[in-house]
Amino acid sequence: MNDDQILCHQCGKDLEMKFIELKDFVFCSTSCFEKFRNSMSRRDFFKRYGDSYSPDEQHWVPKYSNDYVKMCGYCPARVSEACRTDLDVSGVYHDDLEESSSIHWCCHALFVLSASLSDGTVPYDTALRVQKHAEDLARKAGLKGVTPVIVSNAFADLARNFEYKELPEHQPQVKTLGMSHAAACLLCNPDFARQCEVQVEKEFQLVDTAKKEIHGLWCSHTVQSLAEMLIDRENGVELIRKIIPVAEQVAGKKAHPGVITSDLFIALGRCVSAGRVTGSNGALK
């Protein structure tokens, strides 16, 4: 290798254009990045490399990215394993939903929308309705795209029926997810990421309020999603009190040790598909 070459740490490819950096390592693609991340436990990965998501003099990353990735590092092992097992099926519709989008979407926002479809109990057209409403909210807020906060609020706005019912499941065929959860914030467009950052700051201020309503075991990322639904919403606490038991029953039916991302968004999707939409019930500023 000559001095000008930069090789992918995972596959050895010569990197001539944009690449993903992680401390002293570089990767040619999200695929190689994910292979490296999956070569160890999530806990070990975030212990070793979590500080790569903190801004420093050399690079800018969105505020709280470090907090988000570290959540997986201290997640109870049995919840983390359930989440990891569910990861690929949760992202099956990620690329299809990207095709139907009319504006830019954060990778994580597309993932949770896809996750709502992951057991086949939520109709695809429900996801398309949520997608359209999320894009309308993003445009109204003057954003460059749909953030996780926006899509959580789109689900919350459209949710109407909070009665849990056992439904026949039809899990889609698993395929490799084309995004990298761990690399997404590192690759995000800075202008869009700064808009997301403003919303996430509000979200973190409401996490304790969301936690007070939870009495079982929940993945930290799902608690963040509940906090997102509280932003600028007058009836926010009342709303998440209705959502929480539905998500816990979805998790229980799947024998999950706690509520993971797919459980919450399947529950939200069911709450949307089960009720008739009459308009927004929340104001997102």
Protein backbone atom coordinates (compact mmCIF):
# COMPACT_ATOMS: atom_id res chain seq x y z
CA MET A 1 0.00 0.00 0.00
CA ASN A 2 1.38 3.41 -0.92
CA ASP A 3 1.16 6.44 1.36
CA ASP A 4 -1.81 7.90 -0.54
CA GLN A 5 -4.06 4.88 -0.13
CA ILE A 6 -6.79 4.61 2.52
CA LEU A 7 -8.23 1.12 2.88
CA CYS A 8 -11.55 0.01 4.37
CA HIS A 9 -10.88 -1.62 7.74
CA GLN A 10 -13.46 -4.35 7.03
CA CYS A 11 -13.04 -5.36 3.36
CA GLY A 12 -9.74 -3.74 2.35
CA LYS A 13 -11.28 -1.69 -0.48
CA ASP A 14 -9.28 1.32 -1.64
CA LEU A 15 -11.26 4.37 -0.55
CA GLU A 16 -11.17 7.05 -3.20
CA MET A 17 -14.26 9.05 -2.23
CA LYS A 18 -16.39 9.60 0.89
CA PHE A 19 -15.99 7.10 3.70
CA ILE A 20 -17.08 6.53 7.29
CA GLU A 21 -14.56 7.24 10.04
CA LEU A 22 -14.52 5.62 13.45
CA LYS A 23 -11.52 6.66 15.52
CA ASP A 24 -8.50 5.30 13.59
CA PHE A 25 -10.62 3.08 11.31
CA VAL A 26 -12.30 3.94 8.01
CA PHE A 27 -15.05 2.02 6.20
CA CYS A 28 -16.16 2.12 2.59
CA SER A 29 -19.88 1.61 3.23
CA THR A 30 -22.57 1.25 5.85
CA SER A 31 -22.52 -2.49 5.11
CA CYS A 32 -18.87 -2.83 6.12
CA PHE A 33 -19.45 -0.57 9.11
CA GLU A 34 -22.31 -2.80 10.30
CA LYS A 35 -20.26 -5.97 9.81
CA PHE A 36 -17.57 -4.48 12.03
CA ARG A 37 -20.09 -3.36 14.63
CA ASN A 38 -21.73 -6.79 14.68
CA SER A 39 -18.39 -8.50 15.21
CA MET A 40 -18.78 -7.67 18.92
CA SER A 41 -21.60 -7.12 21.37
CA ARG A 42 -23.37 -3.76 21.32
CA ARG A 43 -22.17 -3.15 24.84
CA ASP A 44 -18.51 -3.70 23.84
CA PHE A 45 -18.89 -1.57 20.72
CA PHE A 46 -20.25 1.43 22.55
CA LYS A 47 -17.76 1.09 25.38
CA ARG A 48 -14.89 1.15 22.90
CA TYR A 49 -16.18 3.58 20.30
CA GLY A 50 -19.05 5.55 21.86
CA ASP A 51 -16.96 8.68 22.26
CA SER A 52 -16.60 8.84 18.46
CA TYR A 53 -20.08 10.36 18.48
CA SER A 54 -19.04 13.33 20.59
CA PRO A 55 -18.13 16.54 18.75
CA ASP A 56 -14.54 17.72 18.95
CA GLU A 57 -12.24 20.13 17.14
CA GLN A 58 -11.82 17.70 14.24
CA HIS A 59 -15.44 16.94 13.39
CA TRP A 60 -19.02 18.00 14.11
CA VAL A 61 -21.76 15.52 14.99
CA PRO A 62 -25.28 16.33 16.18
CA LYS A 63 -25.62 17.02 19.89
CA TYR A 64 -26.91 14.00 21.85
CA SER A 65 -25.69 11.49 19.22
CA ASN A 66 -23.29 10.24 21.85
CA ASP A 67 -26.11 9.87 24.36
CA TYR A 68 -28.20 7.90 21.89
CA VAL A 69 -25.51 5.39 20.97
CA LYS A 70 -24.51 4.86 24.59
CA MET A 71 -28.07 3.81 25.42
CA CYS A 72 -27.39 0.50 23.69
CA GLY A 73 -24.24 0.13 25.78
CA TYR A 74 -26.08 0.09 29.11
CA CYS A 75 -29.28 -1.62 27.94
CA PRO A 76 -30.12 -4.85 29.86
CA ALA A 77 -28.65 -7.77 27.91
CA ARG A 78 -31.96 -9.58 27.41
CA VAL A 79 -33.65 -6.45 26.01
CA SER A 80 -30.65 -5.69 23.80
CA GLU A 81 -30.73 -9.24 22.42
CA ALA A 82 -34.45 -9.00 21.61
CA CYS A 83 -33.81 -5.69 19.84
CA ARG A 84 -30.88 -7.06 17.88
CA THR A 85 -32.84 -10.16 16.84
CA ASP A 86 -35.66 -7.92 15.58
CA LEU A 87 -33.44 -5.43 13.78
CA ASP A 88 -33.46 -6.82 10.23
CA VAL A 89 -37.19 -7.55 10.05
CA SER A 90 -37.92 -4.10 11.49
CA GLY A 91 -36.07 -2.46 8.62
CA VAL A 92 -37.55 -4.55 5.78
CA TYR A 93 -39.64 -1.67 4.39
CA HIS A 94 -37.02 1.05 4.93
CA ASP A 95 -36.02 1.27 1.25
CA ASP A 96 -39.60 0.97 -0.05
CA LEU A 97 -40.74 3.82 2.17
CA GLU A 98 -37.79 5.90 1.03
CA GLU A 99 -39.02 5.39 -2.55
CA SER A 100 -42.51 6.68 -1.66
CA SER A 101 -41.21 9.75 0.21
CA SER A 102 -41.55 13.21 -1.31
CA ILE A 103 -38.90 14.91 0.85
CA HIS A 104 -35.74 13.85 2.66
CA TRP A 105 -36.08 11.48 5.64
CA CYS A 106 -33.70 10.77 8.49
CA CYS A 107 -32.65 7.10 8.30
CA HIS A 108 -33.86 6.49 11.85
CA ALA A 109 -37.26 8.04 11.08
CA LEU A 110 -37.69 5.71 8.11
CA PHE A 111 -36.61 2.77 10.24
CA VAL A 112 -39.29 3.29 12.89
CA LEU A 113 -41.94 3.76 10.20
CA SER A 114 -40.79 0.46 8.68
CA ALA A 115 -40.78 -1.17 12.12
CA SER A 116 -44.50 -0.42 12.48
CA LEU A 117 -45.09 -2.87 9.61
CA SER A 118 -42.76 -5.59 10.81
CA ASP A 119 -45.27 -8.17 12.06
CA GLY A 120 -47.89 -7.69 9.36
CA THR A 121 -50.64 -6.43 11.69
CA VAL A 122 -50.47 -2.84 10.43
CA PRO A 123 -51.64 -2.21 6.84
CA TYR A 124 -49.07 -0.72 4.47
CA ASP A 125 -51.42 2.13 3.59
CA THR A 126 -51.37 3.12 7.27
CA ALA A 127 -47.62 3.70 7.00
CA LEU A 128 -48.20 5.74 3.86
CA ARG A 129 -50.75 7.90 5.69
CA VAL A 130 -48.29 8.46 8.54
CA GLN A 131 -45.58 9.23 6.00
CA LYS A 132 -47.69 11.87 4.27
CA HIS A 133 -48.68 13.48 7.56
CA ALA A 134 -45.05 13.50 8.74
CA GLU A 135 -43.98 15.23 5.53
CA ASP A 136 -46.75 17.79 5.94
CA LEU A 137 -45.57 18.47 9.51
CA ALA A 138 -41.96 18.82 8.36
CA ARG A 139 -42.88 21.29 5.64
CA LYS A 140 -45.06 23.29 8.02
CA ALA A 141 -42.16 23.49 10.48
CA GLY A 142 -39.77 24.66 7.74
CA LEU A 143 -37.52 21.60 8.06
CA LYS A 144 -35.31 20.13 5.36
CA GLY A 145 -36.77 16.67 6.00
CA VAL A 146 -38.54 14.33 8.39
CA THR A 147 -36.81 13.80 11.73
CA PRO A 148 -37.52 11.11 14.35
CA VAL A 149 -39.39 13.72 16.41
CA ILE A 150 -41.61 14.53 13.43
CA VAL A 151 -42.51 10.92 12.62
CA SER A 152 -43.28 10.12 16.29
CA ASN A 153 -45.62 13.09 16.36
CA ALA A 154 -47.22 12.04 13.08
CA PHE A 155 -48.12 8.69 14.65
CA ALA A 156 -49.35 10.44 17.79
CA ASP A 157 -51.50 12.88 15.82
CA LEU A 158 -53.24 10.12 13.88
CA ALA A 159 -53.69 7.63 16.73
CA ARG A 160 -57.36 7.14 17.54
CA ASN A 161 -58.04 3.67 18.93
CA PHE A 162 -56.12 2.48 21.99
CA GLU A 163 -57.84 -0.85 22.55
CA TYR A 164 -55.43 -3.78 22.33
CA LYS A 165 -56.51 -6.76 20.21
CA GLU A 166 -54.60 -9.88 19.31
CA LEU A 167 -54.21 -9.96 15.54
CA PRO A 168 -52.85 -12.63 13.18
CA GLU A 169 -49.20 -11.90 12.38
CA HIS A 170 -47.59 -12.22 8.96
CA GLN A 171 -43.93 -11.37 9.31
CA PRO A 172 -42.30 -10.25 6.05
CA GLN A 173 -39.26 -12.00 4.63
CA VAL A 174 -36.11 -10.64 6.23
CA LYS A 175 -33.59 -8.82 4.09
CA THR A 176 -30.41 -6.95 4.88
CA LEU A 177 -31.02 -3.40 6.04
CA GLY A 178 -29.39 -0.84 3.76
CA MET A 179 -28.71 1.66 6.54
CA SER A 180 -26.38 1.71 9.51
CA HIS A 181 -27.89 2.75 12.83
CA ALA A 182 -24.51 3.48 14.33
CA ALA A 183 -23.23 5.46 11.33
CA ALA A 184 -26.38 7.39 10.43
CA CYS A 185 -25.68 10.48 12.54
CA LEU A 186 -22.05 10.51 11.40
CA LEU A 187 -23.21 10.64 7.77
CA CYS A 188 -26.14 13.03 8.18
CA ASN A 189 -26.31 16.29 6.24
CA PRO A 190 -25.11 18.92 8.75
CA ASP A 191 -27.83 21.47 7.92
CA PHE A 192 -30.57 18.89 8.39
CA ALA A 193 -28.85 17.44 11.47
CA ARG A 194 -28.77 20.87 13.12
CA GLN A 195 -32.53 21.16 12.68
CA CYS A 196 -32.93 17.71 14.22
CA GLU A 197 -30.62 18.73 17.05
CA VAL A 198 -32.96 21.57 18.08
CA GLN A 199 -35.87 19.14 18.37
CA VAL A 200 -33.84 16.52 20.21
CA GLU A 201 -32.87 19.11 22.81
CA LYS A 202 -36.58 19.58 23.57
CA GLU A 203 -37.03 15.82 23.64
CA PHE A 204 -34.35 15.29 26.29
CA GLN A 205 -36.01 17.90 28.50
CA LEU A 206 -39.16 15.72 28.55
CA VAL A 207 -37.58 12.30 29.14
CA ASP A 208 -38.14 12.40 32.91
CA THR A 209 -41.82 13.21 32.34
CA ALA A 210 -42.13 10.17 30.07
CA LYS A 211 -40.26 7.93 32.52
CA LYS A 212 -42.73 8.74 35.30
CA GLU A 213 -45.49 7.12 33.24
CA ILE A 214 -43.59 3.84 32.71
CA HIS A 215 -43.59 1.07 35.28
CA GLY A 216 -42.15 -1.79 33.24
CA LEU A 217 -38.93 -2.40 31.32
CA TRP A 218 -38.52 -0.26 28.20
CA CYS A 219 -35.61 0.20 25.79
CA SER A 220 -34.20 3.69 26.34
CA HIS A 221 -34.80 4.62 22.71
CA THR A 222 -38.51 3.91 23.10
CA VAL A 223 -38.64 6.17 26.16
CA GLN A 224 -37.10 8.88 23.98
CA SER A 225 -39.86 8.30 21.43
CA LEU A 226 -42.50 8.82 24.11
CA ALA A 227 -40.75 12.06 25.10
CA GLU A 228 -40.85 13.14 21.45
CA MET A 229 -44.66 12.88 21.51
CA LEU A 230 -44.81 15.26 24.47
CA ILE A 231 -43.20 18.16 22.61
CA ASP A 232 -45.62 21.10 22.36
CA ARG A 233 -48.61 18.79 22.95
CA GLU A 234 -51.17 19.91 25.52
CA ASN A 235 -52.60 16.43 26.03
CA GLY A 236 -49.23 14.69 25.74
CA VAL A 237 -49.13 12.87 29.07
CA GLU A 238 -52.73 11.73 28.67
CA LEU A 239 -51.88 10.43 25.20
CA ILE A 240 -48.80 8.41 26.18
CA ARG A 241 -50.75 6.92 29.10
CA LYS A 242 -53.02 5.39 26.44
CA ILE A 243 -50.14 4.26 24.23
CA ILE A 244 -47.96 2.66 26.93
CA PRO A 245 -50.25 -0.29 27.80
CA VAL A 246 -50.82 -1.11 24.12
CA ALA A 247 -47.06 -1.23 23.50
CA GLU A 248 -46.53 -3.38 26.60
CA GLN A 249 -49.21 -5.82 25.45
CA VAL A 250 -47.61 -6.04 22.00
CA ALA A 251 -44.27 -6.79 23.68
CA GLY A 252 -45.85 -9.34 26.00
CA LYS A 253 -47.51 -11.20 23.11
CA LYS A 254 -44.08 -11.50 21.47
CA ALA A 255 -42.51 -12.68 24.75
CA HIS A 256 -40.09 -9.76 24.74
CA PRO A 257 -38.53 -9.00 28.14
CA GLY A 258 -39.37 -5.33 27.68
CA VAL A 259 -40.70 -2.90 25.11
CA ILE A 260 -38.36 -2.47 22.13
CA THR A 261 -38.64 -0.13 19.15
CA SER A 262 -40.73 -2.43 16.98
CA ASP A 263 -43.20 -3.07 19.83
CA LEU A 264 -43.86 0.63 20.34
CA PHE A 265 -44.25 1.48 16.66
CA ILE A 266 -46.36 -1.59 15.88
CA ALA A 267 -48.60 -0.42 18.73
CA LEU A 268 -48.70 3.10 17.29
CA GLY A 269 -49.45 1.77 13.82
CA ARG A 270 -52.34 -0.26 15.19
CA CYS A 271 -53.67 2.79 17.04
CA VAL A 272 -53.66 4.67 13.74
CA SER A 273 -55.08 1.92 11.52
CA ALA A 274 -57.85 1.06 13.99
CA GLY A 275 -59.31 4.56 14.13
CA ARG A 276 -60.67 7.04 11.58
CA VAL A 277 -58.48 10.09 11.05
CA THR A 278 -60.16 13.44 11.73
CA GLY A 279 -57.14 15.74 11.87
CA SER A 280 -54.19 16.62 14.05
CA ASN A 281 -54.67 16.53 17.81
CA GLY A 282 -51.35 18.10 18.65
CA ALA A 283 -49.36 21.17 17.75
CA LEU A 284 -45.71 20.65 16.85
CA LYS A 285 -43.73 23.87 16.70
